Structure formats: structure tokens, C-alpha cells
Amino acid sequence: MRGTMAILLGGVLAGGTAACVNVSAPDKPIVINLNINVTQEVVYRLDNEAKSLIKQNPGIF
């Protein structure tokens, strides 16, 4: 009986606090400052066969 009463009392207290939530828009606009620095490094390697094909046919590229 005591456990049931505690559960009921806890439920009533939890239900009473649910109505206290207030959501409103801020007076000032929200400002988000983002400093993003993106760098990309491209590394390419050609095998010997590709190098020789490019040297033999320079007009292709």
C-alpha cells in the first residue's frame, strides 16, 4: 500500500511540473559565427607505363 501511494504521489508531482514549460522566441536574432577553413591537397602519381604513353603522345593531353 505504501509503494502504491508513493507511485501515485510521484505521478501527480510529475504531472504538475509538465505545465511549467514555456517556449518563446528570443527578442534578438540568433547569430552563429562559423570560422571554417577548408584546405585540400591533391596528390597524383603516374606509373611508368602511363608516363611513357604521355611522352609518346603529347597531343592527347
N, C-alpha and C. Protein backbone atom coordinates (compact mmCIF):
# COMPACT_ATOMS: atom_id res chain seq x y z
N MET A 1 0.82 -1.19 0.00
CA MET A 1 0.00 0.00 0.00
C MET A 1 0.87 1.26 0.00
N ARG A 2 1.92 1.22 0.76
CA ARG A 2 2.81 2.38 0.85
C ARG A 2 3.49 2.66 -0.49
N GLY A 3 3.89 1.56 -1.20
CA GLY A 3 4.53 1.71 -2.50
C GLY A 3 3.58 2.27 -3.55
N THR A 4 2.33 1.86 -3.50
CA THR A 4 1.33 2.37 -4.44
C THR A 4 1.09 3.85 -4.21
N MET A 5 1.05 4.24 -2.95
CA MET A 5 0.83 5.65 -2.62
C MET A 5 2.00 6.51 -3.11
N ALA A 6 3.22 5.97 -2.98
CA ALA A 6 4.40 6.72 -3.43
C ALA A 6 4.38 6.88 -4.95
N ILE A 7 3.97 5.83 -5.65
CA ILE A 7 3.90 5.91 -7.11
C ILE A 7 2.86 6.93 -7.54
N LEU A 8 1.70 6.92 -6.90
CA LEU A 8 0.65 7.89 -7.23
C LEU A 8 1.09 9.33 -6.95
N LEU A 9 1.75 9.51 -5.82
CA LEU A 9 2.22 10.85 -5.45
C LEU A 9 3.28 11.33 -6.44
N GLY A 10 4.17 10.42 -6.85
CA GLY A 10 5.19 10.78 -7.84
C GLY A 10 4.57 11.14 -9.17
N GLY A 11 3.53 10.42 -9.57
CA GLY A 11 2.84 10.74 -10.82
C GLY A 11 2.17 12.09 -10.78
N VAL A 12 1.57 12.44 -9.66
CA VAL A 12 0.91 13.74 -9.51
C VAL A 12 1.94 14.86 -9.56
N LEU A 13 3.08 14.66 -8.90
CA LEU A 13 4.12 15.69 -8.90
C LEU A 13 4.72 15.86 -10.30
N ALA A 14 4.91 14.76 -11.00
CA ALA A 14 5.46 14.84 -12.36
C ALA A 14 4.47 15.52 -13.30
N GLY A 15 3.20 15.23 -13.14
CA GLY A 15 2.18 15.87 -13.97
C GLY A 15 2.05 17.35 -13.69
N GLY A 16 2.28 17.76 -12.47
CA GLY A 16 2.19 19.17 -12.10
C GLY A 16 3.31 20.00 -12.67
N THR A 17 4.48 19.41 -12.88
CA THR A 17 5.60 20.17 -13.43
C THR A 17 5.55 20.25 -14.95
N ALA A 18 4.75 19.44 -15.59
CA ALA A 18 4.69 19.43 -17.05
C ALA A 18 4.11 20.72 -17.60
N ALA A 19 3.26 21.40 -16.87
CA ALA A 19 2.63 22.61 -17.35
C ALA A 19 3.53 23.84 -17.20
N CYS A 20 4.69 23.70 -16.59
CA CYS A 20 5.57 24.84 -16.34
C CYS A 20 6.51 25.15 -17.49
N VAL A 21 6.47 24.39 -18.55
CA VAL A 21 7.38 24.61 -19.68
C VAL A 21 6.86 25.76 -20.53
N ASN A 22 7.73 26.74 -20.81
CA ASN A 22 7.34 27.91 -21.59
C ASN A 22 8.33 28.07 -22.75
N VAL A 23 7.82 28.10 -23.96
CA VAL A 23 8.67 28.27 -25.14
C VAL A 23 8.30 29.60 -25.80
N SER A 24 9.31 30.47 -25.96
CA SER A 24 9.04 31.76 -26.60
C SER A 24 10.23 32.13 -27.48
N ALA A 25 9.97 32.96 -28.48
CA ALA A 25 11.02 33.41 -29.40
C ALA A 25 11.89 34.46 -28.70
N PRO A 26 13.19 34.46 -28.99
CA PRO A 26 14.07 35.46 -28.38
C PRO A 26 13.81 36.86 -28.96
N ASP A 27 14.15 37.88 -28.17
CA ASP A 27 13.98 39.27 -28.61
C ASP A 27 14.97 39.63 -29.72
N LYS A 28 16.20 39.15 -29.60
CA LYS A 28 17.24 39.46 -30.58
C LYS A 28 17.43 38.26 -31.50
N PRO A 29 17.87 38.50 -32.74
CA PRO A 29 18.10 37.37 -33.65
C PRO A 29 19.28 36.51 -33.18
N ILE A 30 19.23 35.26 -33.51
CA ILE A 30 20.30 34.34 -33.15
C ILE A 30 21.43 34.49 -34.16
N VAL A 31 22.65 34.70 -33.67
CA VAL A 31 23.82 34.88 -34.52
C VAL A 31 24.74 33.69 -34.32
N ILE A 32 25.11 33.06 -35.43
CA ILE A 32 26.03 31.92 -35.37
C ILE A 32 27.27 32.29 -36.18
N ASN A 33 28.40 32.35 -35.51
CA ASN A 33 29.67 32.66 -36.17
C ASN A 33 30.40 31.35 -36.45
N LEU A 34 30.69 31.13 -37.71
CA LEU A 34 31.42 29.93 -38.11
C LEU A 34 32.70 30.33 -38.82
N ASN A 35 33.79 29.91 -38.29
CA ASN A 35 35.09 30.11 -38.95
C ASN A 35 35.54 28.75 -39.45
N ILE A 36 35.36 28.53 -40.74
CA ILE A 36 35.69 27.24 -41.33
C ILE A 36 36.80 27.43 -42.35
N ASN A 37 37.83 26.68 -42.20
CA ASN A 37 38.95 26.73 -43.13
C ASN A 37 39.07 25.35 -43.78
N VAL A 38 38.83 25.30 -45.06
CA VAL A 38 38.89 24.03 -45.79
C VAL A 38 40.09 24.07 -46.73
N THR A 39 40.97 23.14 -46.55
CA THR A 39 42.11 23.02 -47.45
C THR A 39 42.11 21.61 -48.02
N GLN A 40 42.48 21.53 -49.25
CA GLN A 40 42.51 20.23 -49.92
C GLN A 40 43.84 20.09 -50.62
N GLU A 41 44.40 18.93 -50.50
CA GLU A 41 45.67 18.66 -51.13
C GLU A 41 45.46 17.48 -52.08
N VAL A 42 45.81 17.68 -53.31
CA VAL A 42 45.66 16.63 -54.32
C VAL A 42 47.04 16.10 -54.66
N VAL A 43 47.20 14.82 -54.49
CA VAL A 43 48.47 14.18 -54.80
C VAL A 43 48.19 13.15 -55.89
N TYR A 44 48.96 13.22 -56.97
CA TYR A 44 48.76 12.25 -58.04
C TYR A 44 50.09 11.58 -58.36
N ARG A 45 49.97 10.34 -58.75
CA ARG A 45 51.14 9.57 -59.13
C ARG A 45 50.83 8.86 -60.44
N LEU A 46 51.77 8.84 -61.34
CA LEU A 46 51.62 8.11 -62.59
C LEU A 46 52.62 6.97 -62.61
N ASP A 47 52.15 5.82 -63.03
CA ASP A 47 53.10 4.71 -63.15
C ASP A 47 53.94 4.91 -64.41
N ASN A 48 54.95 4.12 -64.53
CA ASN A 48 55.91 4.30 -65.63
C ASN A 48 55.25 4.13 -66.99
N GLU A 49 54.32 3.20 -67.11
CA GLU A 49 53.67 2.96 -68.40
C GLU A 49 52.85 4.19 -68.81
N ALA A 50 52.15 4.80 -67.89
CA ALA A 50 51.37 5.99 -68.22
C ALA A 50 52.29 7.15 -68.59
N LYS A 51 53.40 7.28 -67.88
CA LYS A 51 54.35 8.35 -68.21
C LYS A 51 54.89 8.19 -69.63
N SER A 52 55.21 6.97 -69.98
CA SER A 52 55.76 6.75 -71.33
C SER A 52 54.70 6.99 -72.40
N LEU A 53 53.44 6.65 -72.13
CA LEU A 53 52.36 6.92 -73.09
C LEU A 53 52.16 8.42 -73.29
N ILE A 54 52.25 9.17 -72.23
CA ILE A 54 52.10 10.63 -72.33
C ILE A 54 53.26 11.22 -73.12
N LYS A 55 54.47 10.73 -72.88
CA LYS A 55 55.63 11.24 -73.62
C LYS A 55 55.53 10.89 -75.10
N GLN A 56 55.01 9.72 -75.43
CA GLN A 56 54.90 9.30 -76.83
C GLN A 56 53.79 10.06 -77.56
N ASN A 57 52.72 10.45 -76.83
CA ASN A 57 51.57 11.13 -77.43
C ASN A 57 51.30 12.44 -76.70
N PRO A 58 52.13 13.45 -76.89
CA PRO A 58 51.94 14.70 -76.13
C PRO A 58 50.69 15.48 -76.55
N GLY A 59 50.15 15.24 -77.71
CA GLY A 59 48.98 15.98 -78.18
C GLY A 59 47.67 15.50 -77.57
N ILE A 60 47.68 14.36 -76.89
CA ILE A 60 46.45 13.82 -76.30
C ILE A 60 45.97 14.72 -75.15
N PHE A 61 46.92 15.17 -74.36
CA PHE A 61 46.55 15.99 -73.21
C PHE A 61 46.81 17.42 -73.55
